[in-house]
Amino acid sequence: MTLTHLNAAGEARMVDVSAKATTARTATAEGFIAVAAPALAAIRAGTAAKGDIIAVARVAGIMAAKRTADLIPLCHPLPISGVDLDLAFEDSGIRATATVRTTHTTGVEMEALTAVSVALLTVYDMAKSMDRAMTIADIRLLAKAGGRSGDWVRGDSPAAGA
């Protein structure tokens, strides 16, 4: 097995993707933050002391997708074409779902995962005075499209039934 991020001497390297075809690529990821009922009610009502937590978390996630290469070693900086980030209230917390698009030689899975992670971390940061026991969980890739490896959909994701 060849390790793509190591050179012949076993040193870290950035993979050269210049020979790969430029194609439209998308990736969708999700994650969840469990929030205590009183804090969740305040976030939903927009009455949290720090303001509109959902709006700030959405912008933070979008910004994070654009800066993924600054955070993840050996990740290629990509021209992001678009980011959709949804934060949906559920009975016990908030689910973040991000879809990231580009036309490039490598995919945007890391960008989608980073968008979700930072959006949820932002919810935590802005709501921690109301609930320090919040738990971020289940950050995962749901689907990706484009590129040499083709399309992939997680078997238990909502996209799998489409």
Protein backbone atom coordinates (compact mmCIF):
# COMPACT_ATOMS: atom_id res chain seq x y z
CA MET A 1 0.00 0.00 0.00
CA THR A 2 1.34 3.43 -0.97
CA LEU A 3 0.76 6.21 1.53
CA THR A 4 -0.14 9.28 -0.50
CA HIS A 5 0.88 11.89 2.06
CA LEU A 6 4.41 10.56 2.60
CA ASN A 7 7.39 10.85 0.28
CA ALA A 8 9.94 8.06 -0.34
CA ALA A 9 11.79 9.04 2.86
CA GLY A 10 8.60 8.79 4.93
CA GLU A 11 8.25 12.55 5.31
CA ALA A 12 4.92 14.39 5.10
CA ARG A 13 4.10 15.93 1.74
CA MET A 14 1.16 17.52 0.00
CA VAL A 15 -0.21 15.28 -2.73
CA ASP A 16 0.25 16.66 -6.24
CA VAL A 17 -3.21 16.81 -7.82
CA SER A 18 -2.16 18.70 -10.95
CA ALA A 19 -2.65 15.66 -13.21
CA LYS A 20 -6.21 15.07 -12.01
CA ALA A 21 -9.17 16.28 -14.03
CA THR A 22 -10.95 19.44 -12.99
CA THR A 23 -14.54 18.46 -12.27
CA ALA A 24 -17.54 19.76 -10.35
CA ARG A 25 -17.39 18.35 -6.84
CA THR A 26 -19.72 18.52 -3.85
CA ALA A 27 -19.69 17.14 -0.34
CA THR A 28 -22.31 17.13 2.41
CA ALA A 29 -21.58 16.61 6.10
CA GLU A 30 -23.57 16.83 9.30
CA GLY A 31 -23.13 16.94 13.05
CA PHE A 32 -25.23 17.43 16.16
CA ILE A 33 -24.98 19.39 19.39
CA ALA A 34 -27.08 18.23 22.33
CA VAL A 35 -28.36 21.23 24.28
CA ALA A 36 -30.34 21.37 27.55
CA ALA A 37 -33.99 22.36 27.09
CA PRO A 38 -33.79 25.85 28.68
CA ALA A 39 -30.75 26.83 26.61
CA LEU A 40 -32.27 25.35 23.46
CA ALA A 41 -35.44 27.38 24.04
CA ALA A 42 -33.41 30.58 24.42
CA ILE A 43 -31.44 29.86 21.23
CA ARG A 44 -34.67 29.12 19.34
CA ALA A 45 -36.32 32.31 20.63
CA GLY A 46 -33.24 34.41 19.88
CA THR A 47 -33.10 35.59 23.51
CA ALA A 48 -29.62 34.31 24.38
CA ALA A 49 -27.40 36.96 25.94
CA LYS A 50 -24.95 36.79 23.00
CA GLY A 51 -27.63 37.39 20.37
CA ASP A 52 -28.64 35.37 17.32
CA ILE A 53 -26.57 32.23 17.86
CA ILE A 54 -27.89 30.48 14.75
CA ALA A 55 -26.99 33.35 12.41
CA VAL A 56 -23.49 33.67 13.84
CA ALA A 57 -22.91 29.90 13.73
CA ARG A 58 -24.00 29.78 10.07
CA VAL A 59 -21.54 32.53 9.11
CA ALA A 60 -18.76 30.92 11.18
CA GLY A 61 -19.28 27.59 9.42
CA ILE A 62 -19.22 29.19 5.98
CA MET A 63 -16.05 31.10 6.83
CA ALA A 64 -14.46 27.92 8.16
CA ALA A 65 -15.14 26.03 4.93
CA LYS A 66 -13.20 28.73 3.08
CA ARG A 67 -10.26 28.46 5.51
CA THR A 68 -9.99 24.66 5.82
CA ALA A 69 -6.51 24.51 4.26
CA ASP A 70 -5.30 26.87 7.01
CA LEU A 71 -6.50 24.42 9.67
CA ILE A 72 -5.85 20.92 8.27
CA PRO A 73 -2.22 20.11 7.42
CA LEU A 74 -1.67 19.01 3.80
CA CYS A 75 -5.21 19.98 2.78
CA HIS A 76 -5.28 21.81 -0.57
CA PRO A 77 -6.60 25.38 -0.63
CA LEU A 78 -9.63 25.33 -2.91
CA PRO A 79 -11.74 27.90 -4.71
CA ILE A 80 -15.06 27.28 -3.00
CA SER A 81 -17.99 27.88 -5.36
CA GLY A 82 -20.68 27.73 -2.68
CA VAL A 83 -21.53 26.68 0.85
CA ASP A 84 -25.02 25.95 2.15
CA LEU A 85 -25.13 25.54 5.92
CA ASP A 86 -28.37 24.65 7.69
CA LEU A 87 -28.86 24.60 11.45
CA ALA A 88 -32.08 22.78 12.32
CA PHE A 89 -33.66 22.53 15.75
CA GLU A 90 -34.47 19.05 17.02
CA ASP A 91 -36.01 17.99 20.34
CA SER A 92 -32.68 17.68 22.15
CA GLY A 93 -30.39 19.99 20.21
CA ILE A 94 -29.33 21.41 16.87
CA ARG A 95 -28.26 19.54 13.73
CA ALA A 96 -25.83 21.29 11.38
CA THR A 97 -25.69 20.20 7.74
CA ALA A 98 -23.24 21.72 5.26
CA THR A 99 -22.95 21.23 1.51
CA VAL A 100 -19.83 22.61 -0.15
CA ARG A 101 -19.19 22.94 -3.90
CA THR A 102 -16.15 23.56 -6.07
CA THR A 103 -14.85 22.89 -9.55
CA HIS A 104 -11.33 21.67 -9.00
CA THR A 105 -8.97 18.70 -9.04
CA THR A 106 -9.73 17.53 -5.49
CA GLY A 107 -12.83 17.18 -3.37
CA VAL A 108 -14.41 19.29 -0.65
CA GLU A 109 -15.13 16.66 2.01
CA MET A 110 -12.81 18.34 4.52
CA GLU A 111 -14.43 21.70 3.85
CA ALA A 112 -17.91 20.33 4.56
CA LEU A 113 -16.73 18.59 7.74
CA THR A 114 -14.93 21.75 8.88
CA ALA A 115 -17.99 23.91 8.23
CA VAL A 116 -20.15 21.65 10.41
CA SER A 117 -17.51 21.42 13.16
CA VAL A 118 -16.97 25.16 13.43
CA ALA A 119 -20.70 25.94 13.25
CA LEU A 120 -21.33 23.59 16.19
CA LEU A 121 -18.32 24.92 18.12
CA THR A 122 -19.75 28.41 17.64
CA VAL A 123 -23.10 27.32 19.08
CA TYR A 124 -21.20 25.92 22.06
CA ASP A 125 -19.16 29.08 22.52
CA MET A 126 -22.16 31.38 22.36
CA ALA A 127 -24.40 29.23 24.58
CA LYS A 128 -21.91 27.89 27.14
CA SER A 129 -23.05 30.35 29.81
CA MET A 130 -26.47 28.64 29.67
CA ASP A 131 -25.30 25.02 29.33
CA ARG A 132 -21.70 23.90 29.83
CA ALA A 133 -22.72 20.24 29.38
CA MET A 134 -23.53 20.56 25.67
CA THR A 135 -22.13 17.67 23.66
CA ILE A 136 -21.02 17.80 20.03
CA ALA A 137 -21.31 14.42 18.32
CA ASP A 138 -21.73 12.44 15.13
CA ILE A 139 -19.82 14.74 12.78
CA ARG A 140 -19.69 12.73 9.58
CA LEU A 141 -19.65 12.85 5.82
CA LEU A 142 -23.06 12.11 4.30
CA ALA A 143 -22.27 12.24 0.60
CA LYS A 144 -19.74 13.34 -2.00
CA ALA A 145 -19.98 13.72 -5.75
CA GLY A 146 -17.47 14.21 -8.54
CA GLY A 147 -13.89 13.25 -9.08
CA ARG A 148 -12.15 10.04 -10.05
CA SER A 149 -13.67 7.99 -7.23
CA GLY A 150 -17.19 9.03 -8.27
CA ASP A 151 -20.20 9.53 -6.08
CA TRP A 152 -20.63 8.15 -2.59
CA VAL A 153 -23.57 8.28 -0.18
CA ARG A 154 -23.49 7.06 3.44
CA GLY A 155 -25.93 4.17 3.69
CA ASP A 156 -27.80 5.57 6.70
CA SER A 157 -28.00 9.18 5.51
CA PRO A 158 -31.18 10.87 4.26
CA ALA A 159 -29.54 11.17 0.82
CA ALA A 160 -29.35 7.37 0.55
CA GLY A 161 -33.11 7.16 0.12
CA ALA A 162 -33.15 9.73 -2.68
